[in-house]
């Protein structure tokens, strides 16, 4: 049983103008209906988090922490817990944009050797996302993702501390206290919401064809409603002193193609494009 849920205060269903069923469509266990998760059927694969455009899926796994662990490894390796102690519970939360950000600077190794037998839907998803990311990396002249098989014992372990005899009892007391604290923390139910768009923005990820683009046709009234409804703050309207219209600024790394800007535009001049075209600023007026 996987204790995950959907935060309806963030889910696009709250808006009423946009119909989104990406989490239900991708769920291999058919555990999501009417924007709710059947925790008995959910197997914790994380695919719903990979496709949610509003970061509305609450999960028991720390996906940001898993990415941080992978970055500390030499070489940088993403894997699941079955492949290595430093791995994530499951790699299903990954998508092509996260892979791009991890692979761009230092190169990336990926161990999906356990996925096909464990969760075939995750394996198929990852192959598609890897292929898309590899095409972008090749176009940019960067090394493609290396598929590896991590051998047991190759990931880092905590070193064993040597304790002198005179310090044995104080060390034992400390150890017991720390153990009790660890037990207490283990019994607590931690939940996380992984905002992939925010993670990418914080890393100052360079956008490319893997990211969404924006088109603004003539007729925009600069009302600012698109920026107001954008849940990821991918749009901002900037006006100088005395300006009535100004310009619309677009942050492709933050865009998740949620569709709210298009649905709420009163003059219907905004379109989200499947690929980033390089345009970030649109003069209004």
Protein backbone atom coordinates (compact mmCIF):
# COMPACT_ATOMS: atom_id res chain seq x y z
CA UNK A 1 0.00 0.00 0.00
CA UNK A 2 1.34 3.42 -0.95
CA UNK A 3 0.17 6.38 1.10
CA UNK A 4 -0.09 9.05 -1.55
CA UNK A 5 -2.89 11.47 -2.35
CA UNK A 6 -3.81 14.42 -4.56
CA UNK A 7 -3.96 17.91 -3.07
CA UNK A 8 -7.15 19.28 -4.61
CA UNK A 9 -6.18 22.83 -3.65
CA UNK A 10 -3.37 22.56 -6.22
CA UNK A 11 -4.89 20.10 -8.70
CA UNK A 12 -6.17 21.73 -11.90
CA UNK A 13 -9.64 20.37 -11.13
CA UNK A 14 -10.05 23.29 -8.73
CA UNK A 15 -10.12 25.73 -11.62
CA UNK A 16 -13.09 24.35 -13.50
CA UNK A 17 -11.98 25.52 -16.94
CA UNK A 18 -9.32 22.87 -17.50
CA UNK A 19 -9.91 19.13 -17.58
CA UNK A 20 -6.77 17.21 -16.61
CA UNK A 21 -6.54 13.43 -16.22
CA UNK A 22 -2.84 12.87 -16.85
CA UNK A 23 -2.28 11.08 -13.55
CA UNK A 24 -5.21 8.71 -14.14
CA UNK A 25 -4.23 8.10 -17.76
CA UNK A 26 -0.67 7.05 -16.91
CA UNK A 27 -1.39 5.03 -13.76
CA UNK A 28 -0.63 1.36 -14.61
CA UNK A 29 -2.65 0.13 -11.63
CA UNK A 30 -5.75 2.20 -12.48
CA UNK A 31 -5.60 3.45 -8.92
CA UNK A 32 -6.64 7.04 -9.71
CA UNK A 33 -10.26 7.98 -10.35
CA UNK A 34 -12.05 11.31 -9.90
CA UNK A 35 -8.76 12.89 -8.77
CA UNK A 36 -8.44 10.53 -5.85
CA UNK A 37 -5.92 7.72 -5.26
CA UNK A 38 -6.87 4.23 -4.10
CA UNK A 39 -3.92 3.57 -1.80
CA UNK A 40 -4.66 -0.17 -1.75
CA UNK A 41 -4.14 -0.43 -5.52
CA UNK A 42 -1.31 2.12 -5.85
CA UNK A 43 2.13 0.51 -6.09
CA UNK A 44 4.12 3.73 -5.55
CA UNK A 45 5.68 3.86 -9.02
CA UNK A 46 5.68 7.68 -9.09
CA UNK A 47 4.49 8.07 -12.69
CA UNK A 48 1.68 10.37 -11.53
CA UNK A 49 4.28 12.77 -10.11
CA UNK A 50 6.19 12.66 -13.40
CA UNK A 51 3.23 13.98 -15.41
CA UNK A 52 1.31 16.17 -12.95
CA UNK A 53 1.40 19.76 -14.28
CA UNK A 54 0.51 21.35 -10.96
CA UNK A 55 2.73 19.50 -8.43
CA UNK A 56 -0.43 18.28 -6.71
CA UNK A 57 0.59 14.71 -5.86
CA UNK A 58 1.53 14.18 -2.21
CA UNK A 59 3.95 11.27 -1.80
CA UNK A 60 5.84 9.51 1.00
CA UNK A 61 9.10 9.62 -1.00
CA UNK A 62 11.58 12.50 -1.01
CA UNK A 63 12.26 12.77 -4.74
CA UNK A 64 14.32 15.95 -4.39
CA UNK A 65 16.47 14.17 -1.82
CA UNK A 66 16.93 11.23 -4.18
CA UNK A 67 18.20 13.56 -6.91
CA UNK A 68 20.55 15.21 -4.43
CA UNK A 69 21.98 11.78 -3.46
CA UNK A 70 22.56 10.92 -7.10
CA UNK A 71 24.45 14.17 -7.65
CA UNK A 72 26.90 13.34 -4.86
CA UNK A 73 27.90 10.02 -6.41
CA UNK A 74 30.97 9.75 -8.61
CA UNK A 75 30.03 9.26 -11.37
CA UNK A 76 26.55 10.71 -11.06
CA UNK A 77 24.11 7.77 -10.99
CA UNK A 78 20.33 7.56 -10.76
CA UNK A 79 19.02 4.19 -9.60
CA UNK A 80 16.31 2.60 -7.52
CA UNK A 81 16.73 1.09 -4.07
CA UNK A 82 16.89 -2.40 -5.55
CA UNK A 83 19.99 -1.41 -7.50
CA UNK A 84 21.81 0.39 -4.70
CA UNK A 85 21.50 1.83 -1.22
CA UNK A 86 21.73 5.39 -2.54
CA UNK A 87 18.80 4.86 -4.91
CA UNK A 88 15.27 6.24 -4.99
CA UNK A 89 12.28 4.02 -4.05
CA UNK A 90 11.35 4.01 -7.76
CA UNK A 91 12.50 5.97 -10.82
CA UNK A 92 9.01 6.50 -12.22
CA UNK A 93 8.97 10.14 -11.07
CA UNK A 94 11.62 11.06 -13.65
CA UNK A 95 10.83 12.78 -16.94
CA UNK A 96 12.89 14.01 -19.88
CA UNK A 97 13.35 17.51 -18.46
CA UNK A 98 14.69 16.24 -15.12
CA UNK A 99 17.02 13.88 -16.95
CA UNK A 100 18.25 16.76 -19.13
CA UNK A 101 19.05 18.91 -16.10
CA UNK A 102 20.97 16.07 -14.42
CA UNK A 103 22.87 15.11 -17.58
CA UNK A 104 23.76 18.55 -18.90
CA UNK A 105 26.54 19.56 -16.51
CA UNK A 106 28.25 16.37 -15.35
CA UNK A 107 26.84 13.60 -17.49
CA UNK A 108 24.47 11.00 -16.14
CA UNK A 109 24.46 7.25 -15.58
CA UNK A 110 21.13 5.49 -15.12
CA UNK A 111 20.50 2.01 -13.76
CA UNK A 112 17.12 0.72 -14.95
CA UNK A 113 18.19 -2.94 -14.84
CA UNK A 114 15.54 -3.77 -12.23
CA UNK A 115 12.67 -1.86 -13.83
CA UNK A 116 11.50 -4.24 -16.56
CA UNK A 117 10.86 -7.13 -14.18
CA UNK A 118 9.69 -4.94 -11.28
CA UNK A 119 7.45 -2.35 -12.97
CA UNK A 120 7.20 -2.74 -16.75
CA UNK A 121 5.18 0.47 -17.15
CA UNK A 122 7.97 2.45 -15.50
CA UNK A 123 10.54 0.73 -17.70
CA UNK A 124 8.64 1.65 -20.90
CA UNK A 125 8.16 5.23 -19.69
CA UNK A 126 11.84 5.66 -18.85
CA UNK A 127 12.96 4.31 -22.22
CA UNK A 128 10.84 6.95 -23.99
CA UNK A 129 12.06 9.75 -21.74
CA UNK A 130 15.70 8.66 -22.08
CA UNK A 131 15.40 8.56 -25.88
CA UNK A 132 13.96 12.09 -25.95
CA UNK A 133 16.67 13.38 -23.62
CA UNK A 134 19.42 11.64 -25.57
CA UNK A 135 18.27 13.27 -28.80
CA UNK A 136 18.48 16.70 -27.14
CA UNK A 137 21.90 15.94 -25.65
CA UNK A 138 23.22 14.76 -29.00
CA UNK A 139 21.92 17.92 -30.67
CA UNK A 140 23.70 20.01 -28.03
CA UNK A 141 26.94 18.06 -28.43
CA UNK A 142 26.77 16.63 -24.91
CA UNK A 143 27.36 13.01 -23.80
CA UNK A 144 24.24 10.89 -23.86
CA UNK A 145 22.88 9.08 -20.80
CA UNK A 146 24.82 5.91 -19.99
CA UNK A 147 22.75 2.88 -19.01
CA UNK A 148 24.69 0.98 -16.36
CA UNK A 149 24.28 -1.90 -13.94
CA UNK A 150 25.49 -0.87 -10.49
CA UNK A 151 27.32 -3.70 -8.75
CA UNK A 152 26.52 -4.49 -5.14
CA UNK A 153 28.79 -2.65 -2.73
CA UNK A 154 29.88 0.07 -5.15
CA UNK A 155 27.76 2.79 -3.55
CA UNK A 156 29.07 4.71 -0.58
CA UNK A 157 28.53 3.52 2.98
CA UNK A 158 28.88 5.35 6.27
CA UNK A 159 32.35 4.78 7.73
CA UNK A 160 32.51 2.92 11.03
CA UNK A 161 33.78 5.18 13.79
CA UNK A 162 36.47 3.83 16.13
CA UNK A 163 35.80 4.55 19.82
CA UNK A 164 38.54 4.54 22.46
CA UNK A 165 37.92 2.51 25.64
CA UNK A 166 37.67 5.55 27.93
CA UNK A 167 35.04 7.05 25.69
CA UNK A 168 33.06 3.81 25.28
CA UNK A 169 30.22 4.56 27.70
CA UNK A 170 29.67 8.12 26.54
CA UNK A 171 29.68 6.86 22.96
CA UNK A 172 27.24 4.09 23.91
CA UNK A 173 24.90 6.62 25.54
CA UNK A 174 25.07 8.83 22.45
CA UNK A 175 24.47 5.84 20.20
CA UNK A 176 21.43 4.75 22.22
CA UNK A 177 19.98 8.27 22.15
CA UNK A 178 20.53 8.53 18.40
CA UNK A 179 18.96 5.09 17.87
CA UNK A 180 15.86 6.08 19.83
CA UNK A 181 15.62 9.25 17.80
CA UNK A 182 15.92 7.28 14.56
CA UNK A 183 13.18 4.89 15.71
CA UNK A 184 10.91 7.82 16.57
CA UNK A 185 11.57 9.47 13.22
CA UNK A 186 10.92 6.19 11.39
CA UNK A 187 7.49 5.96 13.00
CA UNK A 188 6.56 9.45 11.84
CA UNK A 189 4.74 9.69 8.53
CA UNK A 190 6.63 12.09 6.27
CA UNK A 191 5.01 13.37 3.11
CA UNK A 192 6.45 15.39 0.26
CA UNK A 193 5.32 17.27 -2.83
CA UNK A 194 7.92 17.29 -5.56
CA UNK A 195 7.69 20.44 -7.69
CA UNK A 196 9.79 19.52 -10.71
CA UNK A 197 9.35 22.93 -12.35
CA UNK A 198 10.64 24.71 -9.24
CA UNK A 199 13.54 22.25 -9.00
CA UNK A 200 14.51 22.98 -12.60
CA UNK A 201 14.21 26.73 -12.07
CA UNK A 202 16.38 26.66 -8.96
CA UNK A 203 19.09 24.88 -10.94
CA UNK A 204 18.88 27.57 -13.65
CA UNK A 205 18.34 24.81 -16.21
CA UNK A 206 18.94 25.80 -19.82
CA UNK A 207 15.76 25.15 -21.86
CA UNK A 208 15.66 23.44 -25.24
CA UNK A 209 13.25 21.42 -27.40
CA UNK A 210 12.28 19.30 -24.39
CA UNK A 211 10.52 22.28 -22.83
CA UNK A 212 7.27 23.95 -23.81
CA UNK A 213 7.05 27.17 -25.79
CA UNK A 214 4.59 30.04 -25.97
CA UNK A 215 2.89 31.92 -28.77
CA UNK A 216 1.08 35.23 -28.34
CA UNK A 217 -0.90 36.49 -31.32
CA UNK A 218 -1.98 40.07 -32.02
CA UNK A 219 -4.86 41.35 -29.95
CA UNK A 220 -3.50 40.84 -26.44
CA UNK A 221 -5.01 43.41 -24.07
CA UNK A 222 -2.28 42.98 -21.41
CA UNK A 223 -4.89 42.22 -18.77
CA UNK A 224 -2.38 40.02 -16.91
CA UNK A 225 -4.88 37.24 -16.25
CA UNK A 226 -2.57 34.60 -17.79
CA UNK A 227 0.17 35.46 -15.31
CA UNK A 228 -2.28 35.54 -12.42
CA UNK A 229 -3.58 32.01 -13.04
CA UNK A 230 -0.24 30.36 -13.89
CA UNK A 231 0.43 27.95 -10.99
CA UNK A 232 4.15 27.72 -11.79
CA UNK A 233 4.79 31.46 -12.26
CA UNK A 234 6.00 30.88 -15.79
CA UNK A 235 4.39 34.14 -16.97
CA UNK A 236 4.88 37.70 -15.75
CA UNK A 237 3.66 41.00 -17.15
CA UNK A 238 6.12 43.87 -16.82
CA UNK A 239 5.21 47.49 -17.36
CA UNK A 240 7.39 50.56 -17.21
CA UNK A 241 6.31 53.87 -15.69
CA UNK A 242 3.32 55.19 -17.59
CA UNK A 243 3.04 52.08 -19.79
CA UNK A 244 -0.39 50.54 -20.22
CA UNK A 245 0.66 47.30 -21.88
CA UNK A 246 4.37 46.57 -21.47
CA UNK A 247 5.62 43.06 -22.17
CA UNK A 248 4.85 39.46 -21.28
CA UNK A 249 7.81 37.41 -20.05
CA UNK A 250 7.82 33.63 -20.39
CA UNK A 251 9.97 31.20 -18.37
CA UNK A 252 10.00 27.92 -20.37
CA UNK A 253 11.67 25.94 -17.59
CA UNK A 254 8.68 26.61 -15.34
CA UNK A 255 5.95 25.85 -17.89
CA UNK A 256 4.18 22.49 -17.49
CA UNK A 257 1.55 22.95 -20.23
CA UNK A 258 -1.25 23.03 -17.66
CA UNK A 259 -3.41 25.03 -20.08
CA UNK A 260 -4.69 27.61 -17.61
CA UNK A 261 -3.28 30.60 -19.50
CA UNK A 262 -4.97 29.46 -22.71
CA UNK A 263 -8.27 28.66 -21.00
CA UNK A 264 -8.48 32.00 -19.19
CA UNK A 265 -7.27 34.35 -21.94
CA UNK A 266 -10.33 36.56 -22.61
CA UNK A 267 -9.30 37.22 -26.23
CA UNK A 268 -7.89 33.73 -26.93
CA UNK A 269 -4.51 34.81 -28.28
CA UNK A 270 -2.23 32.60 -26.15
CA UNK A 271 -1.10 29.13 -27.21
CA UNK A 272 1.27 26.72 -25.51
CA UNK A 273 3.60 25.07 -28.02
CA UNK A 274 4.99 21.52 -27.70
CA UNK A 275 8.57 22.78 -28.07
CA UNK A 276 10.41 25.89 -26.93
CA UNK A 277 11.12 28.20 -29.88
CA UNK A 278 13.54 30.54 -28.12
CA UNK A 279 11.02 33.33 -27.52
CA UNK A 280 10.83 34.49 -23.92
CA UNK A 281 9.54 38.05 -24.26
CA UNK A 282 6.46 39.26 -26.09
CA UNK A 283 5.86 42.97 -26.56
CA UNK A 284 2.24 43.87 -25.96
CA UNK A 285 0.35 46.60 -27.68
